[in-house]
Amino acid sequence: MKRLSLALLGAVGAFFVLTPAQAADYRVIQWTDTNICQVVDMAGPFKPFRSNYAVLTKSIPTFDAAMKARADVSKKAKCTFA
C-alpha cells in the first residue's frame, strides 16, 4: 500500500511538473457600445462574455506592457475612459 501511495504521488507530481504553465495573453479591447478601452487576459478563464467589443492589440505578455499599450491605443481609438 505504501508503494502504491508513493507511485501515485510520483505520478501526480510528474503531471504538475511536466504540464506547461499557461502564458498570459493580455489584449486591449474596446467596447463598441460605450467606447471604453480595457485590458483583458484572454488566456484566463474569464473572457468577455458579450461579443460587442473589438480587439485593438495583438498578444502582450505582461500586464504592465498591456497598460502602456492601452494608454497609447486610447489616444488613437478615441476611448471614452482610459
Protein backbone atom coordinates (compact mmCIF):
# COMPACT_ATOMS: atom_id res chain seq x y z
CA MET A 1 0.00 0.00 0.00
CA LYS A 2 2.88 2.32 0.81
CA ARG A 3 4.46 1.69 -2.58
CA LEU A 4 1.17 2.35 -4.33
CA SER A 5 0.80 5.65 -2.49
CA LEU A 6 4.34 6.68 -3.40
CA ALA A 7 3.81 5.70 -7.04
CA LEU A 8 0.57 7.68 -7.17
CA LEU A 9 2.24 10.67 -5.53
CA GLY A 10 5.08 10.47 -8.08
CA ALA A 11 2.66 10.29 -10.99
CA VAL A 12 0.67 13.30 -9.78
CA GLY A 13 3.87 15.25 -9.11
CA ALA A 14 5.20 14.45 -12.58
CA PHE A 15 1.93 15.62 -14.12
CA PHE A 16 2.21 19.04 -12.48
CA VAL A 17 5.91 19.39 -13.28
CA LEU A 18 5.57 18.38 -16.93
CA THR A 19 2.39 20.34 -17.66
CA PRO A 20 3.40 23.70 -19.17
CA ALA A 21 2.20 26.83 -17.46
CA GLN A 22 -0.32 28.84 -19.41
CA ALA A 23 1.23 32.08 -20.61
CA ALA A 24 -0.61 35.35 -20.23
CA ASP A 25 -2.33 36.70 -23.31
CA TYR A 26 -3.20 40.30 -22.49
CA ARG A 27 -5.10 42.29 -25.09
CA VAL A 28 -6.57 45.77 -25.20
CA ILE A 29 -10.23 45.69 -26.16
CA GLN A 30 -12.73 48.46 -26.83
CA TRP A 31 -16.42 48.01 -26.04
CA THR A 32 -18.43 49.12 -29.07
CA ASP A 33 -21.43 50.46 -27.16
CA THR A 34 -19.50 52.62 -24.64
CA ASN A 35 -16.08 53.03 -26.35
CA ILE A 36 -14.36 52.13 -23.07
CA CYS A 37 -10.91 50.55 -23.53
CA GLN A 38 -9.95 47.72 -21.19
CA VAL A 39 -7.05 45.30 -20.66
CA VAL A 40 -8.23 41.67 -20.69
CA ASP A 41 -6.31 38.41 -20.21
CA MET A 42 -7.66 36.22 -23.00
CA ALA A 43 -5.76 33.16 -21.69
CA GLY A 44 -7.55 33.27 -18.35
CA PRO A 45 -10.87 31.69 -17.50
CA PHE A 46 -12.77 35.00 -17.53
CA LYS A 47 -13.05 36.27 -21.08
CA PRO A 48 -15.58 38.92 -22.07
CA PHE A 49 -18.88 37.10 -22.35
CA ARG A 50 -20.53 39.60 -24.66
CA SER A 51 -19.44 39.89 -28.26
CA ASN A 52 -19.75 43.67 -28.62
CA TYR A 53 -16.07 44.50 -28.40
CA ALA A 54 -13.15 44.97 -30.76
CA VAL A 55 -9.63 43.72 -30.06
CA LEU A 56 -7.21 46.61 -30.59
CA THR A 57 -3.82 44.95 -29.93
CA LYS A 58 -2.02 41.70 -30.56
CA SER A 59 -1.00 39.44 -27.68
CA ILE A 60 1.01 41.25 -24.98
CA PRO A 61 2.99 39.14 -22.46
CA THR A 62 2.85 41.34 -19.32
CA PHE A 63 0.17 43.41 -17.61
CA ASP A 64 2.47 46.47 -17.38
CA ALA A 65 3.13 46.38 -21.10
CA ALA A 66 -0.60 45.99 -21.73
CA MET A 67 -1.37 49.07 -19.60
CA LYS A 68 1.19 51.08 -21.59
CA ALA A 69 -0.31 49.80 -24.84
CA ARG A 70 -3.78 50.79 -23.61
CA ALA A 71 -2.53 54.33 -22.94
CA ASP A 72 -1.05 54.50 -26.44
CA VAL A 73 -4.06 52.95 -28.17
CA SER A 74 -6.60 55.03 -26.26
CA LYS A 75 -5.37 58.18 -27.97
CA LYS A 76 -5.84 56.66 -31.43
CA ALA A 77 -9.03 54.71 -30.73
CA LYS A 78 -10.84 57.61 -29.01
CA CYS A 79 -11.59 55.72 -25.83
CA THR A 80 -14.06 57.42 -23.53
CA PHE A 81 -12.40 56.11 -20.38
CA ALA A 82 -8.69 55.39 -20.39
